[in-house]
Amino acid sequence: MVQRTLKYYYTKARKEGWALPQFNFSCAEQLQGIIEAGVHLKAPLLLGTSEGDSRFLGKTQAVALVESYRKDTRLPIFLNFDHGKSFESVKEAIEAGYDAVHFDGSAFLFKENIAIARKVVALARKNRISVVEGEFSEIPGKHSSFHKGEAPLLSKDSFTDPAQAREFVRKTGVDSLAVLIGTVHGIYKKNPNLDLERLQEIKKHVMSFLVLHGGSGTPPRDLLAAVKTGVVKVNISTELRAAFTNTLRETLKKEPDEIAPYNIFVPSVRAVQKAAERHIQFLGSANKI
């Protein structure tokens, strides 16, 4: 089949009212479960590695693994570098062969963020990167963690300002924008509801694709409403990591003397597959190849 770009699927998702889940992975076994979910549901797959994932697995190794699955399955599979915090780290991902990159400049002053994001976009265009994602409103919370307490207190003053969003997209040329409308990284006792009115205002101000981070634990009704409003990508990490790790703990309890990794990891791979399939079906990307 013809390999379509990630931008093609973002456009298709926005037009048809569904979203691509981005599944982050940090080991080959997690990736295997995600791929099997995509094969089973005939879904395009967007995969991600954060800076931490990439340090552990390796950027070139992640690219090679994804490319091997792309050839074997003939699925449209895309690899995104998630939350690159510096130009240098994003540049490494581009040179390693990632299909898309996310520059998270939320720690910089707004003008400095714009300047670096413009450099990222220019480099990406030279390397035929399909999508560059930008961010200027920092998504709070601890990445990929379960918390027994309450979610971080969110002030609406920190939410993405629609006018700033328009300026950021216009001056940087990014293809997609990570917006802060109430999501948090990690899963808490109760994750906050989304400010859907703010999302609607942002949509009026920018033409770029809109994406949400911190999809794990977000109230399902709000998440679906955000997708119907125009969000084309929702990042999912914590739930897949929990599925993998919690299942592994249980496996080791049941089989304390087992030492063959290919036996130990099978239940965890299946747990990741099941979690990924649930999100693919919920966000509507099944059978969208």
Protein backbone atom coordinates (compact mmCIF):
# COMPACT_ATOMS: atom_id res chain seq x y z
CA MET A 1 0.00 0.00 0.00
CA VAL A 2 1.08 3.61 -0.52
CA GLN A 3 2.67 5.06 2.62
CA ARG A 4 0.63 8.13 3.51
CA THR A 5 1.97 10.84 5.78
CA LEU A 6 0.99 11.58 9.37
CA LYS A 7 -0.40 14.90 8.16
CA TYR A 8 -2.76 12.97 5.88
CA TYR A 9 -4.17 11.08 8.87
CA TYR A 10 -4.44 14.23 10.98
CA THR A 11 -6.44 15.85 8.19
CA LYS A 12 -8.63 12.78 7.81
CA ALA A 13 -9.21 12.59 11.58
CA ARG A 14 -10.20 16.27 11.83
CA LYS A 15 -12.58 15.96 8.89
CA GLU A 16 -14.23 12.77 10.17
CA GLY A 17 -14.28 13.53 13.90
CA TRP A 18 -11.90 10.95 15.36
CA ALA A 19 -8.38 11.07 16.79
CA LEU A 20 -5.13 9.15 16.71
CA PRO A 21 -3.91 7.95 20.08
CA GLN A 22 -0.17 8.40 20.47
CA PHE A 23 1.20 5.43 22.36
CA ASN A 24 4.56 5.94 24.02
CA PHE A 25 6.90 2.99 24.50
CA SER A 26 10.32 2.46 26.05
CA CYS A 27 11.00 -1.22 25.33
CA ALA A 28 10.45 -3.68 22.51
CA GLU A 29 7.81 -5.62 24.45
CA GLN A 30 5.60 -2.57 24.91
CA LEU A 31 5.98 -1.83 21.22
CA GLN A 32 5.01 -5.39 20.33
CA GLY A 33 1.71 -5.08 22.21
CA ILE A 34 0.88 -1.77 20.51
CA ILE A 35 1.67 -3.15 17.06
CA GLU A 36 -0.53 -6.20 17.63
CA ALA A 37 -3.39 -3.89 18.62
CA GLY A 38 -2.99 -1.94 15.38
CA VAL A 39 -2.89 -5.11 13.29
CA HIS A 40 -5.98 -6.52 15.01
CA LEU A 41 -8.02 -3.34 14.59
CA LYS A 42 -6.60 -2.24 11.22
CA ALA A 43 -5.63 1.13 12.65
CA PRO A 44 -2.95 3.64 11.70
CA LEU A 45 -0.48 3.88 14.57
CA LEU A 46 1.29 6.89 16.04
CA LEU A 47 4.08 5.85 18.39
CA GLY A 48 6.13 8.06 20.65
CA THR A 49 9.31 8.06 22.67
CA SER A 50 10.04 10.76 25.21
CA GLU A 51 13.54 11.95 26.01
CA GLY A 52 13.61 9.38 28.83
CA ASP A 53 12.35 6.56 26.60
CA SER A 54 14.91 7.49 23.97
CA ARG A 55 17.80 7.56 26.41
CA PHE A 56 16.91 4.04 27.54
CA LEU A 57 16.07 2.48 24.20
CA GLY A 58 18.09 4.64 21.82
CA LYS A 59 16.76 6.88 19.06
CA THR A 60 18.25 4.92 16.15
CA GLN A 61 17.09 1.68 17.77
CA ALA A 62 13.53 3.00 18.11
CA VAL A 63 13.52 4.07 14.47
CA ALA A 64 14.83 0.67 13.34
CA LEU A 65 12.26 -1.24 15.39
CA VAL A 66 9.38 0.82 14.02
CA GLU A 67 10.66 0.51 10.46
CA SER A 68 10.85 -3.28 10.79
CA TYR A 69 7.22 -3.44 11.95
CA ARG A 70 6.17 -1.06 9.19
CA LYS A 71 7.64 -3.42 6.60
CA ASP A 72 6.26 -6.58 8.19
CA THR A 73 2.72 -5.35 8.84
CA ARG A 74 2.33 -2.82 6.00
CA LEU A 75 0.47 -0.64 8.46
CA PRO A 76 0.82 3.15 8.37
CA ILE A 77 3.04 3.53 11.44
CA PHE A 78 4.62 6.83 12.50
CA LEU A 79 7.23 7.57 15.16
CA ASN A 80 7.12 10.89 17.03
CA PHE A 81 9.78 12.32 19.32
CA ASP A 82 7.75 13.43 22.32
CA HIS A 83 8.54 16.44 24.55
CA GLY A 84 11.93 17.29 23.14
CA LYS A 85 13.08 20.02 25.53
CA SER A 86 15.93 21.47 23.46
CA PHE A 87 16.83 22.11 19.84
CA GLU A 88 19.73 19.68 20.19
CA SER A 89 17.59 16.74 21.35
CA VAL A 90 15.01 17.32 18.61
CA LYS A 91 17.80 17.63 16.03
CA GLU A 92 19.13 14.22 17.10
CA ALA A 93 15.67 12.69 16.61
CA ILE A 94 15.31 14.23 13.16
CA GLU A 95 18.73 12.96 12.13
CA ALA A 96 17.93 9.50 13.53
CA GLY A 97 14.95 9.25 11.19
CA TYR A 98 11.85 10.03 13.25
CA ASP A 99 8.71 10.76 11.23
CA ALA A 100 7.53 13.62 13.46
CA VAL A 101 8.91 15.72 16.32
CA HIS A 102 7.51 17.65 19.25
CA PHE A 103 9.48 20.61 20.56
CA ASP A 104 8.28 21.41 24.07
CA GLY A 105 9.52 24.93 24.66
CA SER A 106 7.21 25.64 27.59
CA ALA A 107 10.18 26.17 29.92
CA PHE A 108 11.43 29.06 27.74
CA LEU A 109 10.17 32.60 27.53
CA PHE A 110 7.51 32.92 24.83
CA LYS A 111 9.73 34.79 22.34
CA GLU A 112 12.65 32.40 22.87
CA ASN A 113 10.31 29.43 22.43
CA ILE A 114 9.16 30.88 19.10
CA ALA A 115 12.73 31.38 17.92
CA ILE A 116 13.77 27.81 18.70
CA ALA A 117 10.56 26.34 17.30
CA ARG A 118 11.19 28.17 14.02
CA LYS A 119 14.64 26.55 13.83
CA VAL A 120 13.09 23.14 14.49
CA VAL A 121 10.52 23.67 11.73
CA ALA A 122 13.19 24.77 9.25
CA LEU A 123 15.34 21.71 9.98
CA ALA A 124 12.34 19.41 9.85
CA ARG A 125 11.30 20.71 6.43
CA LYS A 126 14.78 19.98 5.07
CA ASN A 127 14.48 16.41 6.33
CA ARG A 128 10.94 15.81 5.07
CA ILE A 129 9.44 15.52 8.55
CA SER A 130 5.66 15.32 8.15
CA VAL A 131 4.57 17.04 11.37
CA VAL A 132 6.25 19.41 13.83
CA GLU A 133 4.39 19.92 17.09
CA GLY A 134 4.87 22.96 19.31
CA GLU A 135 4.00 23.74 22.91
CA PHE A 136 4.12 26.90 25.03
CA SER A 137 1.66 26.10 27.85
CA GLU A 138 3.32 23.54 30.13
CA ILE A 139 1.21 20.45 30.85
CA PRO A 140 1.47 19.87 34.63
CA GLY A 141 1.81 16.62 36.54
CA LYS A 142 4.35 13.85 36.79
CA HIS A 143 4.80 11.90 33.59
CA SER A 144 3.57 8.34 33.52
CA SER A 145 2.70 7.93 37.19
CA PHE A 146 -0.23 6.84 39.31
CA HIS A 147 -1.01 9.07 42.28
CA LYS A 148 -3.28 8.37 45.23
CA GLY A 149 -3.74 12.08 45.89
CA GLU A 150 -5.51 14.86 44.05
CA ALA A 151 -4.41 16.14 40.67
CA PRO A 152 -2.33 19.34 40.54
CA LEU A 153 -4.39 22.48 41.04
CA LEU A 154 -4.90 24.14 37.68
CA SER A 155 -5.43 27.84 37.27
CA LYS A 156 -7.27 28.82 34.12
CA ASP A 157 -4.79 31.68 33.85
CA SER A 158 -2.22 29.03 32.89
CA PHE A 159 -4.42 27.54 30.15
CA THR A 160 -3.53 28.12 26.51
CA ASP A 161 -4.48 31.64 25.50
CA PRO A 162 -6.21 31.63 22.08
CA ALA A 163 -4.54 34.87 20.92
CA GLN A 164 -1.11 33.62 21.97
CA ALA A 165 -1.82 30.34 20.20
CA ARG A 166 -2.52 32.22 16.98
CA GLU A 167 0.69 34.23 17.33
CA PHE A 168 2.76 31.14 18.14
CA VAL A 169 1.48 29.13 15.19
CA ARG A 170 1.79 32.05 12.78
CA LYS A 171 5.37 32.90 13.77
CA THR A 172 6.71 29.35 14.06
CA GLY A 173 4.92 27.49 11.28
CA VAL A 174 4.32 24.43 13.45
CA ASP A 175 1.84 21.91 12.07
CA SER A 176 0.25 21.00 15.40
CA LEU A 177 -0.10 22.62 18.81
CA ALA A 178 -0.25 20.95 22.21
CA VAL A 179 -2.89 22.85 24.17
CA LEU A 180 -3.49 23.08 27.91
CA ILE A 181 -7.22 22.96 28.64
CA GLY A 182 -7.23 20.83 31.79
CA THR A 183 -5.32 17.62 31.12
CA VAL A 184 -2.44 16.59 33.39
CA HIS A 185 0.35 14.07 33.01
CA GLY A 186 -0.29 10.95 35.07
CA ILE A 187 -3.38 9.41 36.65
CA TYR A 188 -4.73 10.77 39.91
CA LYS A 189 -7.54 10.04 42.35
CA LYS A 190 -9.64 12.28 40.13
CA ASN A 191 -8.34 13.85 36.96
CA PRO A 192 -9.75 17.31 36.16
CA ASN A 193 -12.44 18.08 33.63
CA LEU A 194 -11.56 19.88 30.42
CA ASP A 195 -12.32 23.48 29.54
CA LEU A 196 -14.11 22.76 26.29
CA GLU A 197 -15.13 26.38 25.77
CA ARG A 198 -11.45 27.34 25.80
CA LEU A 199 -10.77 24.64 23.22
CA GLN A 200 -13.48 26.03 20.96
CA GLU A 201 -11.94 29.50 21.20
CA ILE A 202 -8.48 28.17 20.39
CA LYS A 203 -9.90 26.38 17.36
CA LYS A 204 -11.32 29.68 16.09
CA HIS A 205 -7.92 31.35 16.35
CA VAL A 206 -5.59 28.76 14.79
CA MET A 207 -5.58 26.61 11.68
CA SER A 208 -3.00 24.11 12.96
CA PHE A 209 -3.90 20.67 14.24
CA LEU A 210 -4.75 20.54 17.95
CA VAL A 211 -3.42 17.82 20.24
CA LEU A 212 -3.88 16.83 23.87
CA HIS A 213 -1.24 15.47 26.21
CA GLY A 214 -2.09 13.63 29.42
CA GLY A 215 -4.93 11.58 27.95
CA SER A 216 -4.62 8.83 30.56
CA GLY A 217 -7.28 9.25 33.24
CA THR A 218 -9.07 12.17 31.55
CA PRO A 219 -12.88 11.91 31.94
CA PRO A 220 -14.04 9.96 28.85
CA ARG A 221 -16.97 12.24 28.08
CA ASP A 222 -14.69 15.29 28.03
CA LEU A 223 -12.14 13.49 25.89
CA LEU A 224 -14.72 12.55 23.29
CA ALA A 225 -16.09 16.10 23.27
CA ALA A 226 -12.56 17.44 22.68
CA VAL A 227 -12.12 15.09 19.73
CA LYS A 228 -15.44 16.16 18.26
CA THR A 229 -14.31 19.77 18.66
CA GLY A 230 -11.24 19.11 16.53
CA VAL A 231 -8.45 17.46 18.56
CA VAL A 232 -6.70 14.99 16.24
CA LYS A 233 -4.18 13.37 18.63
CA VAL A 234 -4.37 12.26 22.26
CA ASN A 235 -1.21 11.10 24.04
CA ILE A 236 -1.51 7.89 26.07
CA SER A 237 1.44 6.74 28.16
CA THR A 238 0.62 6.09 31.82
CA GLU A 239 -2.11 3.55 31.16
CA LEU A 240 0.10 1.45 28.88
CA ARG A 241 3.01 1.54 31.30
CA ALA A 242 0.73 0.53 34.15
CA ALA A 243 -0.74 -2.32 32.11
CA PHE A 244 2.75 -3.60 31.30
CA THR A 245 4.33 -3.18 34.74
CA ASN A 246 1.43 -4.30 36.91
CA THR A 247 0.96 -7.44 34.81
CA LEU A 248 4.68 -8.16 35.02
CA ARG A 249 4.57 -7.91 38.82
CA GLU A 250 1.69 -10.39 38.95
CA THR A 251 3.45 -12.76 36.56
CA LEU A 252 6.57 -12.80 38.71
CA LYS A 253 4.49 -13.55 41.79
CA LYS A 254 2.79 -16.48 40.10
CA GLU A 255 5.92 -17.81 38.42
CA PRO A 256 8.78 -16.91 40.78
CA ASP A 257 11.14 -19.53 39.32
CA GLU A 258 10.57 -18.65 35.65
CA ILE A 259 13.66 -17.11 34.04
CA ALA A 260 12.85 -17.16 30.30
CA PRO A 261 11.97 -13.59 29.25
CA TYR A 262 9.86 -14.87 26.35
CA ASN A 263 7.59 -16.52 28.91
CA ILE A 264 7.65 -13.77 31.52
CA PHE A 265 6.79 -10.93 29.13
CA VAL A 266 3.94 -12.53 27.17
CA PRO A 267 1.16 -11.56 29.63
CA SER A 268 2.48 -7.99 29.74
CA VAL A 269 2.50 -7.76 25.95
CA ARG A 270 -1.11 -8.92 25.91
CA ALA A 271 -2.06 -6.39 28.61
CA VAL A 272 -0.54 -3.56 26.56
CA GLN A 273 -2.35 -4.80 23.45
CA LYS A 274 -5.68 -4.82 25.29
CA ALA A 275 -5.14 -1.30 26.68
CA ALA A 276 -4.10 0.03 23.26
CA GLU A 277 -7.10 -1.58 21.56
CA ARG A 278 -9.42 0.08 24.06
CA HIS A 279 -8.07 3.52 23.20
CA ILE A 280 -8.06 2.86 19.46
CA GLN A 281 -11.72 1.93 19.58
CA PHE A 282 -12.66 4.73 21.97
CA LEU A 283 -10.95 7.47 19.93
CA GLY A 284 -12.27 6.07 16.67
CA SER A 285 -9.10 5.19 14.74
CA ALA A 286 -9.98 1.52 14.15
CA ASN A 287 -10.41 0.58 10.47
CA LYS A 288 -9.10 3.97 9.35
CA ILE A 289 -6.22 2.70 7.20
